[in-house]
Amino acid sequence: MVRMVLDPAFTVADVDERLFGSFVEHMGRAVYGGIYEPGHPSADADGFRTDVLDLVRELGVTVVRYPGGNFVSAYDWEDGVGPRERRPRRLDLAWHSIEPNEVGTDEFMLWIERSGAQPMLAVNLGTRGVDAARNLVEYCNAPAGTRYADWRVENGHPEPYGVRLWCLGNELDGPWQVGRKTAVEYGRLALEAGKAMRLVDPSIELAVVGSSNSSMPTFGAWEDTVLDLAWDVADYVSLHSYYDPLDHPHVDAYLACSLDLERMIGTVVATADAVAGRKRSRRRIGISVDEWNVWHRTANPHRPGANEPFRRAPALAEDEHTIADALVVGCLLITLLRHADRVKIGCLAQLVNVIPPIRTLDGGPAWRQTTFHPFAHASRFARGTVLRVEPEGPTYEVPGEGAVPSIEATAVLGPDGALTLFAVNRADATLSVEAILRELDDVEVAEHVVLADPDIGAANTAEHPDRVVPRRAAGATVRDGTLRAELPPRSWNVLRLRAPDRPSDLATLVA
């Protein structure tokens, strides 16, 4: 039995809609064969796959980070604008590929408009620096009348794009990164680049690079130094975190990996606040978790071998996501929501074909992976105020982790008064839930939707795209001010409570 209290008086924070972002990098078939494939039966006049765009809108993505990722650390943005026939083909050192530059800033901004999301652009602080960064802001955001703004106009885009979110580089603490920096080198460069970018457009928001993962030897110390140096330009500090099932001895341990993200967020928040204390600043830096996901990095190659030829858009990291992966993604989403007071931006990495919620075949179909569904549910129904939820119930032991709660849960009170409980049952057995409802009079269970399968390795494929889909569950009730429900073994659950006269809107997300 799991018991909890749901009380609108116990709040964490309002959810920033930018928490439901994703990521498109020039890696593998994320761009070429993913969002862009001229000649595909669904392609529009600009070469964008409309079947993918339909799924992106259904997924509910609010922000898309671009163009990287590791790719951006050796990218010359000027290569990707202007007439396509004049654009150079380049060696992409990040992913050992050939970059044809058929898609660049202008094409991405056109695609982002059609997707309904907002852009988050990254600048190259690996091989480049202040000039390239401030020039790109001018190209994107300045009105006509200066060199780079006029270049945008010449390229057919008279109005500024008004890009508000910018990443000051990517993972520059990593030895795999082209142009790797020490924390001092990066902090100084981020300060000067951010300062110049803001002189072009004072309205932009900037995210400085945090640690690439929690196992980096400089984790914590990196954030302390970078924020100390770049405090004046930092609105957010980034946090990246991926989880590989083969890094865990068994599925019970894999399903517990969101506890690492929990600790990582706590460490970054504490470090940022310590810097604020030293500077006697009342400002609180937000967290941008702008790369997070499961990643079958061990089992599935994500980079061609050094002796292999450079190729255009090779298939990289095209993971087949399972029920177990979907449950981990659900736990990670719940963790982000529980920290909505500080986590303001999130980007599921990536969007199409590369460790994705959406897969495609060249010339063929696009389909939803298992991980698509928890994200789509959260993006649609986790809009409002996160409630502080502290479930009490059974635990299980994981070596090196200790006692792991069998349930991961949070709740969001929507602006319409509807309450949504999100819960993952990690256990291999049904869990009974009792939630005392305080100050939530006259509500009933509008819907209980479950994503589960007897085979935790079940996945969706091109041949069987609906092998795993959300389904309605029966039996959840509200009586005498208490919600009672049964959560199936190893399942993602969405329980919607609302007044009897208001209809449910889950119909399009279930079979």
Protein backbone atom coordinates (compact mmCIF):
# COMPACT_ATOMS: atom_id res chain seq x y z
CA MET A 1 0.00 0.00 0.00
CA VAL A 2 1.21 3.50 -0.90
CA ARG A 3 -0.26 6.47 0.94
CA MET A 4 0.06 10.17 0.13
CA VAL A 5 -1.67 13.51 0.65
CA LEU A 6 -2.67 15.82 -2.20
CA ASP A 7 -3.22 19.35 -0.90
CA PRO A 8 -3.34 22.49 -3.09
CA ALA A 9 -1.86 24.45 -0.18
CA PHE A 10 1.41 22.49 -0.40
CA THR A 11 3.01 23.78 -3.58
CA VAL A 12 6.44 23.61 -5.18
CA ALA A 13 6.11 26.13 -8.03
CA ASP A 14 4.31 26.84 -11.26
CA VAL A 15 5.61 24.80 -14.17
CA ASP A 16 7.53 26.72 -16.83
CA GLU A 17 6.18 25.46 -20.15
CA ARG A 18 9.75 25.36 -21.47
CA LEU A 19 10.31 22.29 -19.31
CA PHE A 20 8.81 20.26 -22.16
CA GLY A 21 11.51 20.92 -24.73
CA SER A 22 13.54 18.67 -26.98
CA PHE A 23 16.71 18.78 -29.06
CA VAL A 24 17.65 18.53 -32.74
CA GLU A 25 21.37 18.13 -33.38
CA HIS A 26 23.23 17.57 -36.63
CA MET A 27 23.92 14.00 -35.55
CA GLY A 28 23.04 10.82 -37.41
CA ARG A 29 19.61 11.10 -39.04
CA ALA A 30 18.13 13.63 -36.65
CA VAL A 31 18.10 16.33 -39.33
CA TYR A 32 18.64 14.55 -42.66
CA GLY A 33 16.05 11.79 -42.77
CA GLY A 34 14.48 13.02 -39.56
CA ILE A 35 12.92 16.47 -39.74
CA TYR A 36 14.12 17.04 -43.34
CA GLU A 37 13.80 14.67 -46.28
CA PRO A 38 13.01 16.22 -49.67
CA GLY A 39 11.34 13.66 -51.89
CA HIS A 40 9.61 11.87 -49.03
CA PRO A 41 5.89 11.33 -49.75
CA SER A 42 5.00 13.57 -46.80
CA ALA A 43 7.58 16.29 -47.51
CA ASP A 44 6.32 19.84 -47.92
CA ALA A 45 7.66 22.33 -50.45
CA ASP A 46 10.64 23.07 -48.19
CA GLY A 47 11.60 19.42 -47.69
CA PHE A 48 10.26 19.02 -44.15
CA ARG A 49 8.53 15.74 -43.31
CA THR A 50 4.98 16.65 -42.37
CA ASP A 51 4.41 13.23 -40.78
CA VAL A 52 7.22 14.08 -38.35
CA LEU A 53 5.83 17.57 -37.77
CA ASP A 54 2.45 16.07 -36.91
CA LEU A 55 4.06 13.81 -34.31
CA VAL A 56 6.16 16.67 -32.91
CA ARG A 57 2.99 18.70 -32.35
CA GLU A 58 1.28 15.70 -30.78
CA LEU A 59 4.28 15.19 -28.50
CA GLY A 60 3.74 18.74 -27.25
CA VAL A 61 7.30 20.00 -27.58
CA THR A 62 7.58 23.63 -26.46
CA VAL A 63 11.29 24.37 -27.05
CA VAL A 64 13.82 22.84 -29.45
CA ARG A 65 17.55 23.25 -28.87
CA TYR A 66 19.71 23.48 -32.01
CA PRO A 67 22.21 22.77 -33.68
CA GLY A 68 24.04 20.88 -30.91
CA GLY A 69 25.30 19.32 -28.85
CA ASN A 70 28.82 18.25 -29.63
CA PHE A 71 28.27 19.31 -33.24
CA VAL A 72 28.15 23.01 -32.35
CA SER A 73 31.67 23.09 -30.87
CA ALA A 74 33.27 23.04 -34.32
CA TYR A 75 30.40 24.54 -36.34
CA ASP A 76 30.65 27.67 -38.47
CA TRP A 77 27.08 28.95 -38.55
CA GLU A 78 27.80 30.99 -41.67
CA ASP A 79 28.17 27.71 -43.63
CA GLY A 80 24.46 27.03 -43.16
CA VAL A 81 22.95 30.25 -44.54
CA GLY A 82 22.62 31.69 -48.03
CA PRO A 83 22.00 29.88 -51.33
CA ARG A 84 22.30 26.11 -50.86
CA GLU A 85 24.39 25.67 -53.98
CA ARG A 86 27.10 27.85 -52.43
CA ARG A 87 27.19 26.16 -49.04
CA PRO A 88 30.28 24.08 -48.31
CA ARG A 89 30.33 20.41 -47.36
CA ARG A 90 32.32 20.02 -44.15
CA LEU A 91 33.81 17.26 -42.04
CA ASP A 92 31.86 17.06 -38.80
CA LEU A 93 34.46 15.99 -36.24
CA ALA A 94 31.94 15.44 -33.44
CA TRP A 95 30.15 12.54 -35.13
CA HIS A 96 32.68 11.57 -37.84
CA SER A 97 30.24 12.55 -40.56
CA ILE A 98 29.93 14.79 -43.62
CA GLU A 99 27.80 17.86 -42.99
CA PRO A 100 26.19 19.04 -46.27
CA ASN A 101 24.80 22.25 -44.70
CA GLU A 102 21.51 21.83 -46.54
CA VAL A 103 19.78 22.78 -43.28
CA GLY A 104 21.03 25.74 -41.27
CA THR A 105 19.71 28.58 -39.16
CA ASP A 106 17.08 29.87 -41.59
CA GLU A 107 15.71 26.41 -42.39
CA PHE A 108 15.57 25.52 -38.71
CA MET A 109 13.70 28.73 -37.90
CA LEU A 110 11.20 27.94 -40.66
CA TRP A 111 10.75 24.42 -39.27
CA ILE A 112 10.43 25.68 -35.70
CA GLU A 113 7.62 28.02 -36.75
CA ARG A 114 5.73 25.10 -38.28
CA SER A 115 6.31 22.92 -35.22
CA GLY A 116 4.75 25.47 -32.88
CA ALA A 117 7.79 25.40 -30.56
CA GLN A 118 10.27 28.13 -29.70
CA PRO A 119 13.98 27.94 -30.54
CA MET A 120 16.95 27.59 -28.20
CA LEU A 121 20.11 28.24 -30.20
CA ALA A 122 23.61 27.24 -29.15
CA VAL A 123 26.76 29.15 -30.12
CA ASN A 124 30.19 27.69 -30.79
CA LEU A 125 32.55 28.40 -27.90
CA GLY A 126 34.78 25.45 -28.74
CA THR A 127 36.67 26.54 -31.85
CA ARG A 128 35.19 30.04 -32.02
CA GLY A 129 34.17 32.75 -29.61
CA VAL A 130 32.86 36.27 -29.06
CA ASP A 131 32.68 37.46 -32.67
CA ALA A 132 30.84 34.47 -34.10
CA ALA A 133 28.41 34.48 -31.18
CA ARG A 134 27.47 38.14 -31.32
CA ASN A 135 27.24 38.03 -35.12
CA LEU A 136 24.75 35.17 -34.96
CA VAL A 137 22.59 37.12 -32.50
CA GLU A 138 22.68 40.07 -34.90
CA TYR A 139 21.74 37.80 -37.81
CA CYS A 140 18.79 36.38 -35.88
CA ASN A 141 17.49 39.29 -33.83
CA ALA A 142 18.57 42.68 -35.21
CA PRO A 143 16.38 44.78 -37.51
CA ALA A 144 17.63 45.50 -41.02
CA GLY A 145 20.32 48.10 -41.44
CA THR A 146 23.53 46.38 -40.29
CA ARG A 147 25.82 43.79 -41.89
CA TYR A 148 24.50 40.50 -40.48
CA ALA A 149 20.88 41.61 -40.22
CA ASP A 150 21.04 42.68 -43.86
CA TRP A 151 22.49 39.27 -44.74
CA ARG A 152 19.39 37.68 -43.21
CA VAL A 153 17.21 40.01 -45.28
CA GLU A 154 19.21 39.14 -48.40
CA ASN A 155 18.56 35.47 -47.64
CA GLY A 156 14.81 36.10 -47.75
CA HIS A 157 13.93 36.81 -44.11
CA PRO A 158 13.21 40.50 -43.63
CA GLU A 159 11.87 40.30 -40.07
CA PRO A 160 14.05 39.44 -37.05
CA TYR A 161 13.50 35.98 -35.58
CA GLY A 162 13.56 37.21 -32.00
CA VAL A 163 15.37 34.17 -30.56
CA ARG A 164 15.28 34.52 -26.77
CA LEU A 165 17.05 31.40 -25.44
CA TRP A 166 20.76 30.86 -26.09
CA CYS A 167 23.29 28.27 -24.92
CA LEU A 168 26.82 29.55 -24.40
CA GLY A 169 28.50 26.48 -25.88
CA ASN A 170 28.12 22.81 -25.06
CA GLU A 171 29.80 20.31 -22.68
CA LEU A 172 33.14 22.10 -22.74
CA ASP A 173 34.28 20.16 -19.67
CA GLY A 174 34.34 16.94 -21.73
CA PRO A 175 37.54 15.49 -23.22
CA TRP A 176 35.48 14.38 -26.24
CA GLN A 177 34.59 18.01 -27.04
CA VAL A 178 36.35 19.89 -29.83
CA GLY A 179 37.81 22.94 -28.11
CA ARG A 180 37.59 21.58 -24.56
CA LYS A 181 38.22 24.21 -21.88
CA THR A 182 39.12 24.37 -18.24
CA ALA A 183 36.47 25.89 -16.01
CA VAL A 184 38.46 29.14 -15.81
CA GLU A 185 39.01 29.31 -19.58
CA TYR A 186 35.34 28.63 -20.25
CA GLY A 187 34.00 30.92 -17.55
CA ARG A 188 35.97 33.88 -18.87
CA LEU A 189 34.93 33.16 -22.48
CA ALA A 190 31.27 32.70 -21.54
CA LEU A 191 31.30 36.02 -19.70
CA GLU A 192 32.73 37.93 -22.67
CA ALA A 193 30.60 36.16 -25.28
CA GLY A 194 27.45 36.64 -23.24
CA LYS A 195 28.27 40.29 -22.63
CA ALA A 196 28.72 40.94 -26.37
CA MET A 197 25.55 39.01 -27.25
CA ARG A 198 23.55 41.06 -24.76
CA LEU A 199 24.95 44.28 -26.18
CA VAL A 200 23.38 43.24 -29.49
CA ASP A 201 20.08 42.22 -27.85
CA PRO A 202 19.57 42.91 -24.13
CA SER A 203 16.39 40.80 -24.02
CA ILE A 204 18.04 37.41 -24.56
CA GLU A 205 18.35 34.72 -21.88
CA LEU A 206 21.63 32.82 -21.54
CA ALA A 207 22.51 29.34 -20.26
CA VAL A 208 26.12 28.68 -19.27
CA VAL A 209 27.60 25.21 -19.61
CA GLY A 210 27.41 22.98 -16.56
CA SER A 211 28.87 19.51 -16.08
CA SER A 212 28.30 16.91 -18.79
CA ASN A 213 27.19 14.28 -16.25
CA SER A 214 27.37 13.47 -12.55
CA SER A 215 30.42 11.22 -12.96
CA MET A 216 32.68 13.99 -14.30
CA PRO A 217 35.61 14.43 -11.88
CA THR A 218 35.01 18.18 -11.85
CA PHE A 219 31.25 17.99 -11.20
CA GLY A 220 30.34 20.68 -8.68
CA ALA A 221 33.72 22.38 -8.83
CA TRP A 222 33.09 23.22 -12.52
CA GLU A 223 29.76 24.89 -11.74
CA ASP A 224 31.28 26.80 -8.82
CA THR A 225 34.08 28.27 -10.95
CA VAL A 226 32.01 28.93 -14.08
CA LEU A 227 29.22 30.67 -12.19
CA ASP A 228 31.69 32.69 -10.16
CA LEU A 229 33.25 34.01 -13.39
CA ALA A 230 30.16 34.28 -15.62
CA TRP A 231 27.61 35.28 -12.95
CA ASP A 232 26.76 38.58 -14.61
CA VAL A 233 25.51 36.93 -17.82
CA ALA A 234 24.14 33.61 -16.52
CA ASP A 235 20.37 33.20 -16.33
CA TYR A 236 20.65 29.41 -16.26
CA VAL A 237 23.28 26.75 -15.79
CA SER A 238 22.93 23.63 -17.91
CA LEU A 239 22.73 20.07 -16.61
CA HIS A 240 23.11 17.01 -18.84
CA SER A 241 22.23 13.47 -17.83
CA TYR A 242 21.80 10.20 -19.74
CA TYR A 243 21.09 6.72 -18.43
CA ASP A 244 22.20 3.47 -20.08
CA PRO A 245 20.40 0.25 -19.10
CA LEU A 246 23.67 -1.69 -19.41
CA ASP A 247 25.23 0.49 -16.71
CA HIS A 248 22.92 -1.22 -14.23
CA PRO A 249 23.11 -4.86 -13.09
CA HIS A 250 19.37 -5.50 -13.42
CA VAL A 251 16.14 -3.74 -14.33
CA ASP A 252 15.33 -2.81 -10.72
CA ALA A 253 18.52 -0.75 -10.58
CA TYR A 254 17.86 0.79 -13.99
CA LEU A 255 14.41 1.94 -12.90
CA ALA A 256 16.05 3.73 -9.94
CA CYS A 257 18.43 5.89 -11.98
CA SER A 258 16.26 9.01 -11.61
CA LEU A 259 17.66 9.21 -8.07
CA ASP A 260 20.95 10.24 -9.67
CA LEU A 261 19.20 13.13 -11.45
CA GLU A 262 17.56 14.08 -8.14
CA ARG A 263 20.97 14.36 -6.45
CA MET A 264 22.51 16.13 -9.43
CA ILE A 265 19.85 18.84 -9.40
CA GLY A 266 20.32 19.27 -5.65
CA THR A 267 24.08 19.63 -6.02
CA VAL A 268 23.84 22.19 -8.84
CA VAL A 269 21.22 24.23 -6.97
CA ALA A 270 23.33 24.22 -3.78
CA THR A 271 26.46 25.23 -5.70
CA ALA A 272 24.68 28.06 -7.54
CA ASP A 273 23.24 29.35 -4.28
CA ALA A 274 26.65 29.20 -2.62
CA VAL A 275 28.03 31.40 -5.41
CA ALA A 276 25.09 33.76 -4.93
CA GLY A 277 25.89 33.90 -1.23
CA ARG A 278 29.54 34.76 -1.84
CA LYS A 279 28.46 37.51 -4.20
CA ARG A 280 25.76 38.73 -1.79
CA SER A 281 23.28 38.34 -4.62
CA ARG A 282 19.58 37.67 -4.12
CA ARG A 283 19.31 36.32 -7.66
CA ARG A 284 18.68 32.60 -8.01
CA ILE A 285 20.06 30.89 -11.10
CA GLY A 286 17.67 28.58 -12.93
CA ILE A 287 18.59 25.08 -14.10
CA SER A 288 18.40 24.18 -17.79
CA VAL A 289 18.37 20.38 -18.10
CA ASP A 290 18.89 20.77 -21.81
CA GLU A 291 20.03 17.20 -22.46
CA TRP A 292 18.36 14.29 -20.70
CA ASN A 293 17.17 10.86 -21.73
CA VAL A 294 17.84 7.16 -21.68
CA TRP A 295 20.61 6.11 -24.05
CA HIS A 296 21.64 2.58 -25.07
CA ARG A 297 25.17 3.86 -25.50
CA THR A 298 26.90 0.57 -24.75
CA ALA A 299 24.79 -1.65 -26.98
CA ASN A 300 24.22 0.69 -29.93
CA PRO A 301 27.05 2.56 -31.71
CA HIS A 302 26.71 6.32 -31.52
CA ARG A 303 29.81 7.23 -33.53
CA PRO A 304 31.50 5.61 -36.53
CA GLY A 305 34.95 4.17 -35.94
CA ALA A 306 37.92 6.49 -36.47
CA ASN A 307 39.06 4.42 -39.48
CA GLU A 308 35.66 4.38 -41.15
CA PRO A 309 34.98 6.83 -44.00
CA PHE A 310 33.10 10.06 -43.29
CA ARG A 311 29.51 9.67 -44.53
CA ARG A 312 26.46 11.90 -44.81
CA ALA A 313 23.88 11.28 -42.09
CA PRO A 314 24.94 7.80 -40.96
CA ALA A 315 22.46 5.98 -38.73
CA LEU A 316 23.72 6.68 -35.19
CA ALA A 317 22.19 5.90 -31.79
CA GLU A 318 18.86 4.84 -33.30
CA ASP A 319 17.82 3.16 -30.08
CA GLU A 320 14.71 0.98 -29.89
CA HIS A 321 13.03 2.10 -26.68
CA THR A 322 11.34 -0.42 -24.43
CA ILE A 323 8.76 -0.33 -21.65
CA ALA A 324 11.67 -0.13 -19.18
CA ASP A 325 12.99 2.94 -21.02
CA ALA A 326 9.55 4.56 -20.94
CA LEU A 327 9.32 4.03 -17.18
CA VAL A 328 12.74 5.61 -16.66
CA VAL A 329 11.70 8.58 -18.82
CA GLY A 330 8.55 8.85 -16.70
CA CYS A 331 10.61 8.88 -13.49
CA LEU A 332 12.93 11.53 -14.95
CA LEU A 333 9.95 13.70 -15.95
CA ILE A 334 8.52 13.41 -12.44
CA THR A 335 11.91 14.41 -10.99
CA LEU A 336 12.06 17.51 -13.20
CA LEU A 337 8.54 18.48 -12.18
CA ARG A 338 9.32 18.05 -8.49
CA HIS A 339 12.05 20.66 -8.93
CA ALA A 340 9.93 23.12 -10.90
CA ASP A 341 11.01 25.89 -8.53
CA ARG A 342 14.51 25.79 -10.08
CA VAL A 343 14.34 23.63 -13.21
CA LYS A 344 12.91 25.99 -15.81
CA ILE A 345 14.04 24.43 -19.10
CA GLY A 346 14.27 20.80 -20.14
CA CYS A 347 15.24 19.23 -23.46
CA LEU A 348 14.63 15.55 -24.12
CA ALA A 349 17.61 14.59 -26.25
CA GLN A 350 16.92 14.03 -29.00
CA LEU A 351 13.70 14.44 -30.97
CA VAL A 352 13.92 12.24 -34.08
CA ASN A 353 15.94 9.07 -34.81
CA VAL A 354 18.78 9.75 -32.34
CA ILE A 355 17.83 8.28 -28.92
CA PRO A 356 14.38 9.57 -29.85
CA PRO A 357 10.71 9.50 -28.98
CA ILE A 358 10.07 9.56 -32.77
CA ARG A 359 11.62 7.19 -35.31
CA THR A 360 11.53 7.25 -39.11
CA LEU A 361 12.67 5.25 -42.10
CA ASP A 362 14.10 7.03 -45.14
CA GLY A 363 11.23 7.16 -47.62
CA GLY A 364 9.05 5.27 -45.15
CA PRO A 365 6.94 5.72 -42.04
CA ALA A 366 7.37 7.68 -38.84
CA TRP A 367 6.23 6.19 -35.54
CA ARG A 368 6.05 6.80 -31.81
CA GLN A 369 8.47 5.02 -29.51
CA THR A 370 7.41 3.92 -26.02
CA THR A 371 9.08 7.00 -24.52
CA PHE A 372 6.84 9.26 -26.62
CA HIS A 373 3.84 8.61 -24.41
CA PRO A 374 4.99 9.70 -20.92
CA PHE A 375 6.42 12.89 -22.42
CA ALA A 376 3.21 13.65 -24.35
CA HIS A 377 1.10 13.09 -21.22
CA ALA A 378 3.32 15.34 -19.11
CA SER A 379 3.49 18.08 -21.72
CA ARG A 380 -0.30 18.15 -22.01
CA PHE A 381 -1.33 17.76 -18.38
CA ALA A 382 1.59 19.00 -16.25
CA ARG A 383 0.69 22.63 -16.90
CA GLY A 384 -0.08 24.47 -13.70
CA THR A 385 1.25 24.24 -10.15
CA VAL A 386 3.28 21.30 -8.87
CA LEU A 387 2.10 20.04 -5.49
CA ARG A 388 4.50 18.71 -2.88
CA VAL A 389 3.83 14.98 -2.77
CA GLU A 390 5.60 12.65 -0.33
CA PRO A 391 4.46 9.07 -0.93
CA GLU A 392 4.89 6.55 1.86
CA GLY A 393 5.09 2.93 0.84
CA PRO A 394 7.25 -0.10 0.11
CA THR A 395 10.85 0.09 -1.01
CA TYR A 396 13.37 -2.30 -2.50
CA GLU A 397 17.15 -2.50 -2.18
CA VAL A 398 19.57 -1.61 -4.98
CA PRO A 399 23.30 -2.17 -4.40
CA GLY A 400 25.07 1.15 -4.11
CA GLU A 401 21.77 3.03 -3.93
CA GLY A 402 20.09 1.66 -0.85
CA ALA A 403 16.33 1.71 -0.36
CA VAL A 404 14.48 2.75 -3.52
CA PRO A 405 10.79 3.75 -3.32
CA SER A 406 8.59 1.40 -5.32
CA ILE A 407 6.60 4.41 -6.52
CA GLU A 408 7.74 7.70 -8.05
CA ALA A 409 4.97 10.29 -8.05
CA THR A 410 4.04 13.94 -8.31
CA ALA A 411 0.87 15.92 -8.94
CA VAL A 412 0.02 19.09 -10.87
CA LEU A 413 -3.01 21.30 -10.26
CA GLY A 414 -4.09 22.85 -13.56
CA PRO A 415 -5.46 26.37 -14.04
CA ASP A 416 -8.88 24.81 -14.73
CA GLY A 417 -8.91 23.12 -11.32
CA ALA A 418 -8.17 19.66 -12.70
CA LEU A 419 -5.61 17.64 -10.75
CA THR A 420 -3.27 15.19 -12.46
CA LEU A 421 -1.33 12.55 -10.55
CA PHE A 422 1.66 11.11 -12.41
CA ALA A 423 3.07 7.89 -10.98
CA VAL A 424 5.54 5.17 -11.96
CA ASN A 425 5.23 1.80 -10.29
CA ARG A 426 8.78 0.42 -10.31
CA ALA A 427 7.77 -2.81 -8.60
CA ASP A 428 7.05 -6.09 -10.34
CA ALA A 429 3.71 -6.29 -8.54
CA THR A 430 0.49 -4.29 -8.39
CA LEU A 431 0.58 -1.35 -5.97
CA SER A 432 -2.50 -0.05 -4.20
CA VAL A 433 -2.58 3.73 -3.77
CA GLU A 434 -4.58 5.81 -1.31
CA ALA A 435 -4.34 9.59 -1.68
CA ILE A 436 -6.10 11.82 0.83
CA LEU A 437 -7.56 14.80 -1.02
CA ARG A 438 -7.56 18.03 0.93
CA GLU A 439 -9.49 21.08 -0.28
CA LEU A 440 -10.38 19.16 -3.43
CA ASP A 441 -14.11 18.86 -3.03
CA ASP A 442 -16.45 17.43 -5.63
CA VAL A 443 -13.86 15.79 -7.87
CA GLU A 444 -14.04 12.40 -9.50
CA VAL A 445 -11.71 10.22 -11.53
CA ALA A 446 -12.07 11.39 -15.11
CA GLU A 447 -9.46 8.99 -16.46
CA HIS A 448 -6.77 6.54 -15.41
CA VAL A 449 -4.36 5.89 -18.27
CA VAL A 450 -1.63 3.26 -18.05
CA LEU A 451 1.43 2.43 -20.14
CA ALA A 452 2.58 -1.10 -19.34
CA ASP A 453 3.21 -4.50 -20.88
CA PRO A 454 3.84 -8.00 -19.52
CA ASP A 455 7.12 -7.88 -21.45
CA ILE A 456 9.24 -5.06 -20.04
CA GLY A 457 11.38 -5.27 -23.18
CA ALA A 458 8.42 -4.62 -25.49
CA ALA A 459 8.98 -1.87 -28.06
CA ASN A 460 7.34 -0.23 -31.08
CA THR A 461 8.81 -0.80 -34.53
CA ALA A 462 8.09 0.24 -38.12
CA GLU A 463 6.32 -3.09 -38.62
CA HIS A 464 4.42 -2.87 -35.31
CA PRO A 465 4.17 0.86 -34.47
CA ASP A 466 1.37 0.35 -31.93
CA ARG A 467 2.76 -2.66 -30.07
CA VAL A 468 2.94 -0.48 -26.93
CA VAL A 469 0.30 2.22 -26.45
CA PRO A 470 -1.39 3.86 -23.44
CA ARG A 471 -4.66 2.26 -22.38
CA ARG A 472 -7.48 3.18 -20.05
CA ALA A 473 -7.64 1.39 -16.73
CA ALA A 474 -10.75 0.80 -14.64
CA GLY A 475 -11.36 0.81 -10.91
CA ALA A 476 -9.91 4.11 -9.69
CA THR A 477 -12.38 5.95 -7.46
CA VAL A 478 -12.79 8.98 -5.20
CA ARG A 479 -14.84 8.28 -2.08
CA ASP A 480 -15.00 10.12 1.22
CA GLY A 481 -12.21 12.47 0.16
CA THR A 482 -9.77 9.69 -0.77
CA LEU A 483 -8.48 8.61 -4.17
CA ARG A 484 -7.99 4.86 -4.45
CA ALA A 485 -6.33 3.20 -7.42
CA GLU A 486 -4.41 0.10 -8.43
CA LEU A 487 -1.16 0.66 -10.33
CA PRO A 488 -0.22 -2.31 -12.52
CA PRO A 489 3.25 -3.85 -12.21
CA ARG A 490 6.00 -1.72 -13.76
CA SER A 491 3.74 0.91 -15.21
CA TRP A 492 3.44 4.60 -16.06
CA ASN A 493 0.16 6.03 -14.74
CA VAL A 494 -1.78 9.25 -15.33
CA LEU A 495 -4.79 9.82 -13.05
CA ARG A 496 -6.95 12.82 -13.91
CA LEU A 497 -9.33 14.22 -11.28
CA ARG A 498 -11.82 16.90 -12.14
CA ALA A 499 -15.34 18.12 -11.44
CA PRO A 500 -18.05 15.82 -12.84
CA ASP A 501 -19.32 18.39 -15.34
CA ARG A 502 -15.95 18.78 -17.08
CA PRO A 503 -15.05 16.29 -19.82
CA SER A 504 -11.75 14.42 -20.01
CA ASP A 505 -9.37 15.21 -22.86
CA LEU A 506 -7.17 12.09 -22.87
CA ALA A 507 -8.99 10.46 -25.75
CA THR A 508 -6.37 11.16 -28.40
CA LEU A 509 -3.57 9.70 -26.24
CA VAL A 510 -5.02 6.24 -25.62
CA ALA A 511 -5.78 3.28 -27.82
